[in-house]
PDB file of N, CA and C in Angstrom:
ATOM      1  N   UNK A   1      17.080 -23.447  13.046  1.00  0.00           N
ATOM      2  CA  UNK A   1      16.338 -24.039  11.965  1.00  0.00           C
ATOM      3  C   UNK A   1      17.348 -24.583  10.944  1.00  0.00           C
ATOM      4  N   UNK A   2      17.116 -25.811  10.493  1.00  0.00           N
ATOM      5  CA  UNK A   2      18.074 -26.418   9.576  1.00  0.00           C
ATOM      6  C   UNK A   2      17.821 -25.993   8.127  1.00  0.00           C
ATOM      7  N   UNK A   3      18.757 -26.327   7.266  1.00  0.00           N
ATOM      8  CA  UNK A   3      18.692 -25.912   5.860  1.00  0.00           C
ATOM      9  C   UNK A   3      17.461 -26.461   5.141  1.00  0.00           C
ATOM     10  N   UNK A   4      17.057 -27.681   5.477  1.00  0.00           N
ATOM     11  CA  UNK A   4      15.897 -28.292   4.837  1.00  0.00           C
ATOM     12  C   UNK A   4      14.626 -27.503   5.166  1.00  0.00           C
ATOM     13  N   UNK A   5      14.471 -27.114   6.431  1.00  0.00           N
ATOM     14  CA  UNK A   5      13.306 -26.326   6.834  1.00  0.00           C
ATOM     15  C   UNK A   5      13.320 -24.949   6.166  1.00  0.00           C
ATOM     16  N   UNK A   6      14.484 -24.329   6.125  1.00  0.00           N
ATOM     17  CA  UNK A   6      14.591 -23.012   5.487  1.00  0.00           C
ATOM     18  C   UNK A   6      14.230 -23.092   4.005  1.00  0.00           C
ATOM     19  N   UNK A   7      14.701 -24.136   3.335  1.00  0.00           N
ATOM     20  CA  UNK A   7      14.383 -24.319   1.914  1.00  0.00           C
ATOM     21  C   UNK A   7      12.877 -24.522   1.730  1.00  0.00           C
ATOM     22  N   UNK A   8      12.273 -25.280   2.652  1.00  0.00           N
ATOM     23  CA  UNK A   8      10.826 -25.509   2.589  1.00  0.00           C
ATOM     24  C   UNK A   8      10.060 -24.183   2.701  1.00  0.00           C
ATOM     25  N   UNK A   9      10.427 -23.368   3.683  1.00  0.00           N
ATOM     26  CA  UNK A   9       9.710 -22.104   3.877  1.00  0.00           C
ATOM     27  C   UNK A   9       9.976 -21.118   2.739  1.00  0.00           C
ATOM     28  N   UNK A  10      11.185 -21.127   2.207  1.00  0.00           N
ATOM     29  CA  UNK A  10      11.483 -20.245   1.081  1.00  0.00           C
ATOM     30  C   UNK A  10      10.644 -20.650  -0.136  1.00  0.00           C
ATOM     31  N   UNK A  11      10.552 -21.948  -0.376  1.00  0.00           N
ATOM     32  CA  UNK A  11       9.744 -22.437  -1.493  1.00  0.00           C
ATOM     33  C   UNK A  11       8.275 -22.075  -1.289  1.00  0.00           C
ATOM     34  N   UNK A  12       7.792 -22.218  -0.057  1.00  0.00           N
ATOM     35  CA  UNK A  12       6.404 -21.883   0.263  1.00  0.00           C
ATOM     36  C   UNK A  12       6.141 -20.398   0.042  1.00  0.00           C
ATOM     37  N   UNK A  13       7.040 -19.552   0.492  1.00  0.00           N
ATOM     38  CA  UNK A  13       6.893 -18.109   0.319  1.00  0.00           C
ATOM     39  C   UNK A  13       6.920 -17.723  -1.156  1.00  0.00           C
ATOM     40  N   UNK A  14       7.811 -18.344  -1.915  1.00  0.00           N
ATOM     41  CA  UNK A  14       7.883 -18.054  -3.346  1.00  0.00           C
ATOM     42  C   UNK A  14       6.610 -18.498  -4.063  1.00  0.00           C
ATOM     43  N   UNK A  15       6.034 -19.617  -3.645  1.00  0.00           N
ATOM     44  CA  UNK A  15       4.790 -20.095  -4.252  1.00  0.00           C
ATOM     45  C   UNK A  15       3.636 -19.127  -3.966  1.00  0.00           C
ATOM     46  N   UNK A  16       3.565 -18.623  -2.746  1.00  0.00           N
ATOM     47  CA  UNK A  16       2.528 -17.649  -2.391  1.00  0.00           C
ATOM     48  C   UNK A  16       2.702 -16.380  -3.229  1.00  0.00           C
ATOM     49  N   UNK A  17       3.942 -15.937  -3.355  1.00  0.00           N
ATOM     50  CA  UNK A  17       4.237 -14.746  -4.143  1.00  0.00           C
ATOM     51  C   UNK A  17       3.834 -14.948  -5.599  1.00  0.00           C
ATOM     52  N   UNK A  18       4.179 -16.084  -6.173  1.00  0.00           N
ATOM     53  CA  UNK A  18       3.815 -16.369  -7.565  1.00  0.00           C
ATOM     54  C   UNK A  18       2.298 -16.373  -7.741  1.00  0.00           C
ATOM     55  N   UNK A  19       1.598 -16.952  -6.788  1.00  0.00           N
ATOM     56  CA  UNK A  19       0.140 -17.010  -6.853  1.00  0.00           C
ATOM     57  C   UNK A  19      -0.471 -15.604  -6.816  1.00  0.00           C
ATOM     58  N   UNK A  20       0.050 -14.765  -5.944  1.00  0.00           N
ATOM     59  CA  UNK A  20      -0.446 -13.386  -5.839  1.00  0.00           C
ATOM     60  C   UNK A  20      -0.187 -12.630  -7.132  1.00  0.00           C
ATOM     61  N   UNK A  21       1.008 -12.782  -7.682  1.00  0.00           N
ATOM     62  CA  UNK A  21       1.345 -12.066  -8.906  1.00  0.00           C
ATOM     63  C   UNK A  21       0.509 -12.530 -10.100  1.00  0.00           C
ATOM     64  N   UNK A  22       0.245 -13.824 -10.181  1.00  0.00           N
ATOM     65  CA  UNK A  22      -0.587 -14.305 -11.289  1.00  0.00           C
ATOM     66  C   UNK A  22      -2.031 -13.825 -11.119  1.00  0.00           C
ATOM     67  N   UNK A  23      -2.505 -13.756  -9.888  1.00  0.00           N
ATOM     68  CA  UNK A  23      -3.841 -13.215  -9.633  1.00  0.00           C
ATOM     69  C   UNK A  23      -3.933 -11.749 -10.000  1.00  0.00           C
ATOM     70  N   UNK A  24      -2.880 -11.006  -9.722  1.00  0.00           N
ATOM     71  CA  UNK A  24      -2.862  -9.585 -10.082  1.00  0.00           C
ATOM     72  C   UNK A  24      -2.872  -9.423 -11.597  1.00  0.00           C
ATOM     73  N   UNK A  25      -2.081 -10.245 -12.288  1.00  0.00           N
ATOM     74  CA  UNK A  25      -2.078 -10.193 -13.757  1.00  0.00           C
ATOM     75  C   UNK A  25      -3.456 -10.506 -14.326  1.00  0.00           C
ATOM     76  N   UNK A  26      -4.107 -11.501 -13.736  1.00  0.00           N
ATOM     77  CA  UNK A  26      -5.439 -11.893 -14.181  1.00  0.00           C
ATOM     78  C   UNK A  26      -6.440 -10.748 -13.963  1.00  0.00           C
ATOM     79  N   UNK A  27      -6.334 -10.083 -12.821  1.00  0.00           N
ATOM     80  CA  UNK A  27      -7.227  -8.966 -12.518  1.00  0.00           C
ATOM     81  C   UNK A  27      -7.020  -7.828 -13.512  1.00  0.00           C
ATOM     82  N   UNK A  28      -5.775  -7.506 -13.790  1.00  0.00           N
ATOM     83  CA  UNK A  28      -5.480  -6.436 -14.746  1.00  0.00           C
ATOM     84  C   UNK A  28      -6.046  -6.790 -16.115  1.00  0.00           C
ATOM     85  N   UNK A  29      -5.828  -8.030 -16.518  1.00  0.00           N
ATOM     86  CA  UNK A  29      -6.330  -8.481 -17.813  1.00  0.00           C
ATOM     87  C   UNK A  29      -7.853  -8.385 -17.879  1.00  0.00           C
ATOM     88  N   UNK A  30      -8.519  -8.830 -16.841  1.00  0.00           N
ATOM     89  CA  UNK A  30      -9.984  -8.792 -16.815  1.00  0.00           C
ATOM     90  C   UNK A  30     -10.509  -7.360 -16.832  1.00  0.00           C
ATOM     91  N   UNK A  31      -9.833  -6.479 -16.115  1.00  0.00           N
ATOM     92  CA  UNK A  31     -10.314  -5.104 -16.032  1.00  0.00           C
ATOM     93  C   UNK A  31     -10.052  -4.321 -17.311  1.00  0.00           C
ATOM     94  N   UNK A  32      -9.027  -4.683 -18.051  1.00  0.00           N
ATOM     95  CA  UNK A  32      -8.734  -3.954 -19.283  1.00  0.00           C
ATOM     96  C   UNK A  32      -9.441  -4.560 -20.484  1.00  0.00           C
ATOM     97  N   UNK A  33      -9.793  -5.831 -20.418  1.00  0.00           N
ATOM     98  CA  UNK A  33     -10.455  -6.495 -21.542  1.00  0.00           C
ATOM     99  C   UNK A  33     -11.947  -6.197 -21.615  1.00  0.00           C
ATOM    100  N   UNK A  34     -12.555  -5.874 -20.520  1.00  0.00           N
ATOM    101  CA  UNK A  34     -13.999  -5.694 -20.491  1.00  0.00           C
ATOM    102  C   UNK A  34     -14.390  -4.283 -20.914  1.00  0.00           C
ATOM    103  N   UNK A  35     -15.349  -4.231 -21.794  1.00  0.00           N
ATOM    104  CA  UNK A  35     -15.964  -2.948 -22.124  1.00  0.00           C
ATOM    105  C   UNK A  35     -17.413  -3.059 -21.658  1.00  0.00           C
ATOM    106  N   UNK A  36     -17.552  -3.000 -20.355  1.00  0.00           N
ATOM    107  CA  UNK A  36     -18.867  -3.183 -19.753  1.00  0.00           C
ATOM    108  C   UNK A  36     -19.793  -2.027 -20.092  1.00  0.00           C
ATOM    109  N   UNK A  37     -20.945  -2.393 -20.591  1.00  0.00           N
ATOM    110  CA  UNK A  37     -21.974  -1.409 -20.878  1.00  0.00           C
ATOM    111  C   UNK A  37     -23.265  -1.952 -20.279  1.00  0.00           C
ATOM    112  N   UNK A  38     -23.554  -1.487 -19.087  1.00  0.00           N
ATOM    113  CA  UNK A  38     -24.732  -1.968 -18.374  1.00  0.00           C
ATOM    114  C   UNK A  38     -25.863  -0.944 -18.500  1.00  0.00           C
ATOM    115  N   UNK A  39     -26.918  -1.323 -19.190  1.00  0.00           N
ATOM    116  CA  UNK A  39     -28.047  -0.389 -19.290  1.00  0.00           C
ATOM    117  C   UNK A  39     -28.787  -0.241 -17.964  1.00  0.00           C
ATOM    118  N   UNK A  40     -28.700  -1.259 -17.125  1.00  0.00           N
ATOM    119  CA  UNK A  40     -29.398  -1.215 -15.835  1.00  0.00           C
ATOM    120  C   UNK A  40     -28.453  -0.658 -14.766  1.00  0.00           C
ATOM    121  N   UNK A  41     -28.829   0.414 -14.098  1.00  0.00           N
ATOM    122  CA  UNK A  41     -27.965   1.006 -13.062  1.00  0.00           C
ATOM    123  C   UNK A  41     -27.632   0.024 -11.929  1.00  0.00           C
ATOM    124  N   UNK A  42     -28.539  -0.887 -11.635  1.00  0.00           N
ATOM    125  CA  UNK A  42     -28.276  -1.859 -10.576  1.00  0.00           C
ATOM    126  C   UNK A  42     -27.152  -2.803 -10.984  1.00  0.00           C
ATOM    127  N   UNK A  43     -27.165  -3.250 -12.235  1.00  0.00           N
ATOM    128  CA  UNK A  43     -26.098  -4.117 -12.737  1.00  0.00           C
ATOM    129  C   UNK A  43     -24.756  -3.386 -12.738  1.00  0.00           C
ATOM    130  N   UNK A  44     -24.780  -2.133 -13.139  1.00  0.00           N
ATOM    131  CA  UNK A  44     -23.556  -1.328 -13.160  1.00  0.00           C
ATOM    132  C   UNK A  44     -23.016  -1.149 -11.745  1.00  0.00           C
ATOM    133  N   UNK A  45     -23.889  -0.875 -10.802  1.00  0.00           N
ATOM    134  CA  UNK A  45     -23.466  -0.705  -9.405  1.00  0.00           C
ATOM    135  C   UNK A  45     -22.888  -1.998  -8.854  1.00  0.00           C
ATOM    136  N   UNK A  46     -23.504  -3.120  -9.176  1.00  0.00           N
ATOM    137  CA  UNK A  46     -22.991  -4.416  -8.714  1.00  0.00           C
ATOM    138  C   UNK A  46     -21.614  -4.686  -9.297  1.00  0.00           C
ATOM    139  N   UNK A  47     -21.424  -4.387 -10.575  1.00  0.00           N
ATOM    140  CA  UNK A  47     -20.117  -4.595 -11.217  1.00  0.00           C
ATOM    141  C   UNK A  47     -19.055  -3.697 -10.596  1.00  0.00           C
ATOM    142  N   UNK A  48     -19.400  -2.451 -10.324  1.00  0.00           N
ATOM    143  CA  UNK A  48     -18.451  -1.528  -9.697  1.00  0.00           C
ATOM    144  C   UNK A  48     -18.107  -1.972  -8.281  1.00  0.00           C
ATOM    145  N   UNK A  49     -19.081  -2.489  -7.561  1.00  0.00           N
ATOM    146  CA  UNK A  49     -18.838  -2.999  -6.221  1.00  0.00           C
ATOM    147  C   UNK A  49     -17.890  -4.204  -6.268  1.00  0.00           C
ATOM    148  N   UNK A  50     -18.122  -5.084  -7.230  1.00  0.00           N
ATOM    149  CA  UNK A  50     -17.239  -6.242  -7.397  1.00  0.00           C
ATOM    150  C   UNK A  50     -15.816  -5.814  -7.724  1.00  0.00           C
ATOM    151  N   UNK A  51     -15.679  -4.838  -8.608  1.00  0.00           N
ATOM    152  CA  UNK A  51     -14.346  -4.336  -8.966  1.00  0.00           C
ATOM    153  C   UNK A  51     -13.658  -3.707  -7.758  1.00  0.00           C
ATOM    154  N   UNK A  52     -14.406  -2.954  -6.994  1.00  0.00           N
ATOM    155  CA  UNK A  52     -13.842  -2.315  -5.803  1.00  0.00           C
ATOM    156  C   UNK A  52     -13.361  -3.362  -4.800  1.00  0.00           C
ATOM    157  N   UNK A  53     -14.162  -4.391  -4.619  1.00  0.00           N
ATOM    158  CA  UNK A  53     -13.787  -5.476  -3.711  1.00  0.00           C
ATOM    159  C   UNK A  53     -12.519  -6.172  -4.210  1.00  0.00           C
ATOM    160  N   UNK A  54     -12.454  -6.444  -5.492  1.00  0.00           N
ATOM    161  CA  UNK A  54     -11.282  -7.088  -6.088  1.00  0.00           C
ATOM    162  C   UNK A  54     -10.032  -6.232  -5.891  1.00  0.00           C
ATOM    163  N   UNK A  55     -10.164  -4.933  -6.055  1.00  0.00           N
ATOM    164  CA  UNK A  55      -9.016  -4.039  -5.877  1.00  0.00           C
ATOM    165  C   UNK A  55      -8.565  -3.975  -4.418  1.00  0.00           C
ATOM    166  N   UNK A  56      -9.505  -4.041  -3.486  1.00  0.00           N
ATOM    167  CA  UNK A  56      -9.129  -4.071  -2.069  1.00  0.00           C
ATOM    168  C   UNK A  56      -8.346  -5.341  -1.752  1.00  0.00           C
ATOM    169  N   UNK A  57      -8.793  -6.458  -2.313  1.00  0.00           N
ATOM    170  CA  UNK A  57      -8.077  -7.722  -2.109  1.00  0.00           C
ATOM    171  C   UNK A  57      -6.666  -7.614  -2.675  1.00  0.00           C
ATOM    172  N   UNK A  58      -6.541  -7.079  -3.871  1.00  0.00           N
ATOM    173  CA  UNK A  58      -5.219  -6.950  -4.501  1.00  0.00           C
ATOM    174  C   UNK A  58      -4.316  -6.012  -3.700  1.00  0.00           C
ATOM    175  N   UNK A  59      -4.886  -4.977  -3.091  1.00  0.00           N
ATOM    176  CA  UNK A  59      -4.079  -4.074  -2.267  1.00  0.00           C
ATOM    177  C   UNK A  59      -3.545  -4.801  -1.037  1.00  0.00           C
ATOM    178  N   UNK A  60      -4.380  -5.615  -0.426  1.00  0.00           N
ATOM    179  CA  UNK A  60      -3.919  -6.405   0.726  1.00  0.00           C
ATOM    180  C   UNK A  60      -2.819  -7.377   0.303  1.00  0.00           C
ATOM    181  N   UNK A  61      -2.993  -7.973  -0.868  1.00  0.00           N
ATOM    182  CA  UNK A  61      -1.987  -8.898  -1.374  1.00  0.00           C
ATOM    183  C   UNK A  61      -0.687  -8.169  -1.697  1.00  0.00           C
ATOM    184  N   UNK A  62      -0.787  -6.934  -2.179  1.00  0.00           N
ATOM    185  CA  UNK A  62       0.415  -6.133  -2.453  1.00  0.00           C
ATOM    186  C   UNK A  62       1.210  -5.931  -1.167  1.00  0.00           C
ATOM    187  N   UNK A  63       0.505  -5.647  -0.082  1.00  0.00           N
ATOM    188  CA  UNK A  63       1.177  -5.483   1.205  1.00  0.00           C
ATOM    189  C   UNK A  63       1.800  -6.798   1.667  1.00  0.00           C
ATOM    190  N   UNK A  64       1.098  -7.910   1.408  1.00  0.00           N
ATOM    191  CA  UNK A  64       1.637  -9.222   1.765  1.00  0.00           C
ATOM    192  C   UNK A  64       2.900  -9.530   0.973  1.00  0.00           C
ATOM    193  N   UNK A  65       2.961  -9.095  -0.289  1.00  0.00           N
ATOM    194  CA  UNK A  65       4.164  -9.311  -1.087  1.00  0.00           C
ATOM    195  C   UNK A  65       5.393  -8.682  -0.430  1.00  0.00           C
ATOM    196  N   UNK A  66       5.223  -7.502   0.137  1.00  0.00           N
ATOM    197  CA  UNK A  66       6.332  -6.858   0.851  1.00  0.00           C
ATOM    198  C   UNK A  66       6.790  -7.686   2.034  1.00  0.00           C
ATOM    199  N   UNK A  67       5.839  -8.246   2.761  1.00  0.00           N
ATOM    200  CA  UNK A  67       6.181  -9.089   3.904  1.00  0.00           C
ATOM    201  C   UNK A  67       6.867 -10.375   3.449  1.00  0.00           C
ATOM    202  N   UNK A  68       6.432 -10.895   2.302  1.00  0.00           N
ATOM    203  CA  UNK A  68       7.062 -12.107   1.765  1.00  0.00           C
ATOM    204  C   UNK A  68       8.512 -11.819   1.391  1.00  0.00           C
ATOM    205  N   UNK A  69       8.743 -10.690   0.736  1.00  0.00           N
ATOM    206  CA  UNK A  69      10.111 -10.306   0.379  1.00  0.00           C
ATOM    207  C   UNK A  69      10.984 -10.165   1.620  1.00  0.00           C
ATOM    208  N   UNK A  70      10.444  -9.566   2.677  1.00  0.00           N
ATOM    209  CA  UNK A  70      11.191  -9.423   3.921  1.00  0.00           C
ATOM    210  C   UNK A  70      11.501 -10.785   4.535  1.00  0.00           C
ATOM    211  N   UNK A  71      10.539 -11.708   4.486  1.00  0.00           N
ATOM    212  CA  UNK A  71      10.750 -13.048   5.042  1.00  0.00           C
ATOM    213  C   UNK A  71      11.831 -13.795   4.267  1.00  0.00           C
ATOM    214  N   UNK A  72      11.795 -13.694   2.943  1.00  0.00           N
ATOM    215  CA  UNK A  72      12.829 -14.338   2.127  1.00  0.00           C
ATOM    216  C   UNK A  72      14.190 -13.726   2.431  1.00  0.00           C
ATOM    217  N   UNK A  73      14.223 -12.429   2.642  1.00  0.00           N
ATOM    218  CA  UNK A  73      15.478 -11.761   3.014  1.00  0.00           C
ATOM    219  C   UNK A  73      15.985 -12.275   4.363  1.00  0.00           C
ATOM    220  N   UNK A  74      15.068 -12.502   5.305  1.00  0.00           N
ATOM    221  CA  UNK A  74      15.481 -13.052   6.609  1.00  0.00           C
ATOM    222  C   UNK A  74      16.033 -14.469   6.451  1.00  0.00           C
ATOM    223  N   UNK A  75      15.431 -15.252   5.545  1.00  0.00           N
ATOM    224  CA  UNK A  75      15.954 -16.597   5.276  1.00  0.00           C
ATOM    225  C   UNK A  75      17.373 -16.484   4.727  1.00  0.00           C
ATOM    226  N   UNK A  76      17.567 -15.596   3.762  1.00  0.00           N
ATOM    227  CA  UNK A  76      18.876 -15.435   3.126  1.00  0.00           C
ATOM    228  C   UNK A  76      19.937 -14.936   4.104  1.00  0.00           C
ATOM    229  N   UNK A  77      19.521 -14.177   5.118  1.00  0.00           N
ATOM    230  CA  UNK A  77      20.474 -13.631   6.084  1.00  0.00           C
ATOM    231  C   UNK A  77      20.551 -14.425   7.390  1.00  0.00           C
ATOM    232  N   UNK A  78      19.826 -15.529   7.455  1.00  0.00           N
ATOM    233  CA  UNK A  78      19.973 -16.436   8.589  1.00  0.00           C
ATOM    234  C   UNK A  78      19.214 -16.070   9.849  1.00  0.00           C
ATOM    235  N   UNK A  79      18.258 -15.170   9.794  1.00  0.00           N
ATOM    236  CA  UNK A  79      17.514 -14.848  11.009  1.00  0.00           C
ATOM    237  C   UNK A  79      16.018 -15.115  10.873  1.00  0.00           C
ATOM    238  N   UNK A  80      15.640 -15.967   9.923  1.00  0.00           N
ATOM    239  CA  UNK A  80      14.240 -16.355   9.756  1.00  0.00           C
ATOM    240  C   UNK A  80      13.857 -17.317  10.874  1.00  0.00           C
ATOM    241  N   UNK A  81      12.659 -17.159  11.397  1.00  0.00           N
ATOM    242  CA  UNK A  81      12.161 -18.068  12.420  1.00  0.00           C
ATOM    243  C   UNK A  81      12.575 -17.691  13.832  1.00  0.00           C
ATOM    244  N   UNK A  82      13.086 -16.474  13.986  1.00  0.00           N
ATOM    245  CA  UNK A  82      13.465 -15.979  15.305  1.00  0.00           C
ATOM    246  C   UNK A  82      12.573 -14.792  15.644  1.00  0.00           C
ATOM    247  N   UNK A  83      11.986 -14.820  16.830  1.00  0.00           N
ATOM    248  CA  UNK A  83      11.081 -13.759  17.261  1.00  0.00           C
ATOM    249  C   UNK A  83      11.838 -12.439  17.396  1.00  0.00           C
ATOM    250  N   UNK A  84      11.277 -11.387  16.806  1.00  0.00           N
ATOM    251  CA  UNK A  84      11.895 -10.066  16.878  1.00  0.00           C
ATOM    252  C   UNK A  84      11.881  -9.480  18.283  1.00  0.00           C
ATOM    253  N   UNK A  85      10.915  -9.896  19.090  1.00  0.00           N
ATOM    254  CA  UNK A  85      10.781  -9.303  20.415  1.00  0.00           C
ATOM    255  C   UNK A  85      11.628 -10.009  21.466  1.00  0.00           C
ATOM    256  N   UNK A  86      11.468 -11.334  21.565  1.00  0.00           N
ATOM    257  CA  UNK A  86      12.153 -12.051  22.643  1.00  0.00           C
ATOM    258  C   UNK A  86      13.393 -12.810  22.180  1.00  0.00           C
ATOM    259  N   UNK A  87      13.535 -13.009  20.868  1.00  0.00           N
ATOM    260  CA  UNK A  87      14.700 -13.708  20.339  1.00  0.00           C
ATOM    261  C   UNK A  87      14.598 -15.222  20.362  1.00  0.00           C
ATOM    262  N   UNK A  88      13.482 -15.757  20.851  1.00  0.00           N
ATOM    263  CA  UNK A  88      13.276 -17.205  20.869  1.00  0.00           C
ATOM    264  C   UNK A  88      12.889 -17.700  19.483  1.00  0.00           C
ATOM    265  N   UNK A  89      13.097 -18.988  19.229  1.00  0.00           N
ATOM    266  CA  UNK A  89      12.658 -19.544  17.947  1.00  0.00           C
ATOM    267  C   UNK A  89      11.126 -19.523  17.837  1.00  0.00           C
ATOM    268  N   UNK A  90      10.644 -19.272  16.638  1.00  0.00           N
ATOM    269  CA  UNK A  90       9.212 -19.328  16.365  1.00  0.00           C
ATOM    270  C   UNK A  90       8.884 -20.769  16.004  1.00  0.00           C
ATOM    271  N   UNK A  91       7.818 -21.293  16.586  1.00  0.00           N
ATOM    272  CA  UNK A  91       7.437 -22.684  16.351  1.00  0.00           C
ATOM    273  C   UNK A  91       7.192 -22.936  14.866  1.00  0.00           C
ATOM    274  N   UNK A  92       7.688 -24.058  14.354  1.00  0.00           N
ATOM    275  CA  UNK A  92       7.461 -24.390  12.934  1.00  0.00           C
ATOM    276  C   UNK A  92       5.976 -24.433  12.560  1.00  0.00           C
ATOM    277  N   UNK A  93       5.123 -24.838  13.489  1.00  0.00           N
ATOM    278  CA  UNK A  93       3.687 -24.868  13.221  1.00  0.00           C
ATOM    279  C   UNK A  93       3.156 -23.458  12.970  1.00  0.00           C
ATOM    280  N   UNK A  94       3.662 -22.505  13.713  1.00  0.00           N
ATOM    281  CA  UNK A  94       3.256 -21.112  13.510  1.00  0.00           C
ATOM    282  C   UNK A  94       3.754 -20.609  12.158  1.00  0.00           C
ATOM    283  N   UNK A  95       4.972 -20.968  11.805  1.00  0.00           N
ATOM    284  CA  UNK A  95       5.520 -20.553  10.519  1.00  0.00           C
ATOM    285  C   UNK A  95       4.768 -21.211   9.355  1.00  0.00           C
ATOM    286  N   UNK A  96       4.287 -22.431   9.560  1.00  0.00           N
ATOM    287  CA  UNK A  96       3.482 -23.080   8.519  1.00  0.00           C
ATOM    288  C   UNK A  96       2.184 -22.314   8.299  1.00  0.00           C
ATOM    289  N   UNK A  97       1.571 -21.887   9.389  1.00  0.00           N
ATOM    290  CA  UNK A  97       0.302 -21.170   9.304  1.00  0.00           C
ATOM    291  C   UNK A  97       0.495 -19.740   8.791  1.00  0.00           C
ATOM    292  N   UNK A  98       1.572 -19.100   9.194  1.00  0.00           N
ATOM    293  CA  UNK A  98       1.829 -17.698   8.829  1.00  0.00           C
ATOM    294  C   UNK A  98       3.328 -17.548   8.560  1.00  0.00           C
ATOM    295  N   UNK A  99       3.786 -17.918   7.358  1.00  0.00           N
ATOM    296  CA  UNK A  99       5.234 -17.937   7.102  1.00  0.00           C
ATOM    297  C   UNK A  99       5.909 -16.568   7.097  1.00  0.00           C
ATOM    298  N   UNK A 100       5.146 -15.484   7.099  1.00  0.00           N
ATOM    299  CA  UNK A 100       5.760 -14.151   7.121  1.00  0.00           C
ATOM    300  C   UNK A 100       5.879 -13.585   8.536  1.00  0.00           C
ATOM    301  N   UNK A 101       5.433 -14.337   9.533  1.00  0.00           N
ATOM    302  CA  UNK A 101       5.421 -13.820  10.902  1.00  0.00           C
ATOM    303  C   UNK A 101       6.822 -13.493  11.406  1.00  0.00           C
ATOM    304  N   UNK A 102       6.870 -12.508  12.290  1.00  0.00           N
ATOM    305  CA  UNK A 102       8.142 -12.131  12.909  1.00  0.00           C
ATOM    306  C   UNK A 102       8.099 -12.274  14.428  1.00  0.00           C
ATOM    307  N   UNK A 103       6.953 -12.746  14.944  1.00  0.00           N
ATOM    308  CA  UNK A 103       6.791 -12.902  16.388  1.00  0.00           C
ATOM    309  C   UNK A 103       6.377 -14.325  16.736  1.00  0.00           C
ATOM    310  N   UNK A 104       6.868 -14.814  17.860  1.00  0.00           N
ATOM    311  CA  UNK A 104       6.389 -16.096  18.372  1.00  0.00           C
ATOM    312  C   UNK A 104       4.954 -15.893  18.874  1.00  0.00           C
ATOM    313  N   UNK A 105       4.277 -16.966  19.119  1.00  0.00           N
ATOM    314  CA  UNK A 105       2.858 -16.871  19.490  1.00  0.00           C
ATOM    315  C   UNK A 105       2.671 -16.125  20.817  1.00  0.00           C
ATOM    316  N   UNK A 106       3.586 -16.323  21.743  1.00  0.00           N
ATOM    317  CA  UNK A 106       3.457 -15.655  23.047  1.00  0.00           C
ATOM    318  C   UNK A 106       3.587 -14.137  22.909  1.00  0.00           C
ATOM    319  N   UNK A 107       4.583 -13.694  22.159  1.00  0.00           N
ATOM    320  CA  UNK A 107       4.785 -12.252  21.989  1.00  0.00           C
ATOM    321  C   UNK A 107       3.658 -11.622  21.167  1.00  0.00           C
ATOM    322  N   UNK A 108       3.193 -12.335  20.146  1.00  0.00           N
ATOM    323  CA  UNK A 108       2.097 -11.808  19.323  1.00  0.00           C
ATOM    324  C   UNK A 108       0.812 -11.718  20.142  1.00  0.00           C
ATOM    325  N   UNK A 109       0.550 -12.718  20.982  1.00  0.00           N
ATOM    326  CA  UNK A 109      -0.640 -12.698  21.843  1.00  0.00           C
ATOM    327  C   UNK A 109      -0.566 -11.519  22.804  1.00  0.00           C
ATOM    328  N   UNK A 110       0.595 -11.321  23.400  1.00  0.00           N
ATOM    329  CA  UNK A 110       0.790 -10.193  24.324  1.00  0.00           C
ATOM    330  C   UNK A 110       0.589  -8.865  23.598  1.00  0.00           C
ATOM    331  N   UNK A 111       1.140  -8.752  22.399  1.00  0.00           N
ATOM    332  CA  UNK A 111       0.997  -7.526  21.611  1.00  0.00           C
ATOM    333  C   UNK A 111      -0.475  -7.237  21.295  1.00  0.00           C
ATOM    334  N   UNK A 112      -1.229  -8.265  20.914  1.00  0.00           N
ATOM    335  CA  UNK A 112      -2.644  -8.077  20.604  1.00  0.00           C
ATOM    336  C   UNK A 112      -3.444  -7.702  21.840  1.00  0.00           C
ATOM    337  N   UNK A 113      -3.107  -8.272  22.990  1.00  0.00           N
ATOM    338  CA  UNK A 113      -3.797  -7.919  24.227  1.00  0.00           C
ATOM    339  C   UNK A 113      -3.525  -6.482  24.602  1.00  0.00           C
ATOM    340  N   UNK A 114      -2.294  -6.020  24.409  1.00  0.00           N
ATOM    341  CA  UNK A 114      -1.946  -4.633  24.701  1.00  0.00           C
ATOM    342  C   UNK A 114      -2.709  -3.679  23.768  1.00  0.00           C
ATOM    343  N   UNK A 115      -2.866  -4.065  22.500  1.00  0.00           N
ATOM    344  CA  UNK A 115      -3.621  -3.247  21.567  1.00  0.00           C
ATOM    345  C   UNK A 115      -5.088  -3.148  21.975  1.00  0.00           C
ATOM    346  N   UNK A 116      -5.656  -4.222  22.478  1.00  0.00           N
ATOM    347  CA  UNK A 116      -7.048  -4.212  22.915  1.00  0.00           C
ATOM    348  C   UNK A 116      -7.251  -3.305  24.111  1.00  0.00           C
ATOM    349  N   UNK A 117      -6.301  -3.297  25.038  1.00  0.00           N
ATOM    350  CA  UNK A 117      -6.461  -2.465  26.227  1.00  0.00           C
ATOM    351  C   UNK A 117      -6.289  -0.979  25.893  1.00  0.00           C
ATOM    352  N   UNK A 118      -5.537  -0.672  24.840  1.00  0.00           N
ATOM    353  CA  UNK A 118      -5.341   0.730  24.435  1.00  0.00           C
ATOM    354  C   UNK A 118      -6.537   1.257  23.661  1.00  0.00           C
ATOM    355  N   UNK A 119      -7.284   0.358  23.033  1.00  0.00           N
ATOM    356  CA  UNK A 119      -8.397   0.803  22.181  1.00  0.00           C
ATOM    357  C   UNK A 119      -9.638   1.124  22.966  1.00  0.00           C
TER     358      UNK A 119
END
């Protein structure tokens, strides 16, 4: 992978990270600013359900941030875009769709099929 492609993916990963962090800040701000007082139990339950859903999303994004950091580290160390299993290059189209991936499509497909047969 050439320097231009690596710079593109690093910029893309940093943009995703910035977006996640700003969303987390917004969530914290919204949750601390509200003094919700719902006289109707149904409204209160709906608000709590919404908050729970928002927190689950933020938890998934927190895990994605770790993967983004690892991907940026791979870019910095020169092994980004190489499949961890077979060592072949990962297709740029796959990296565009999932820039944190560590497997080529063939190895990931095989891994998912093996997981299905074990379940």
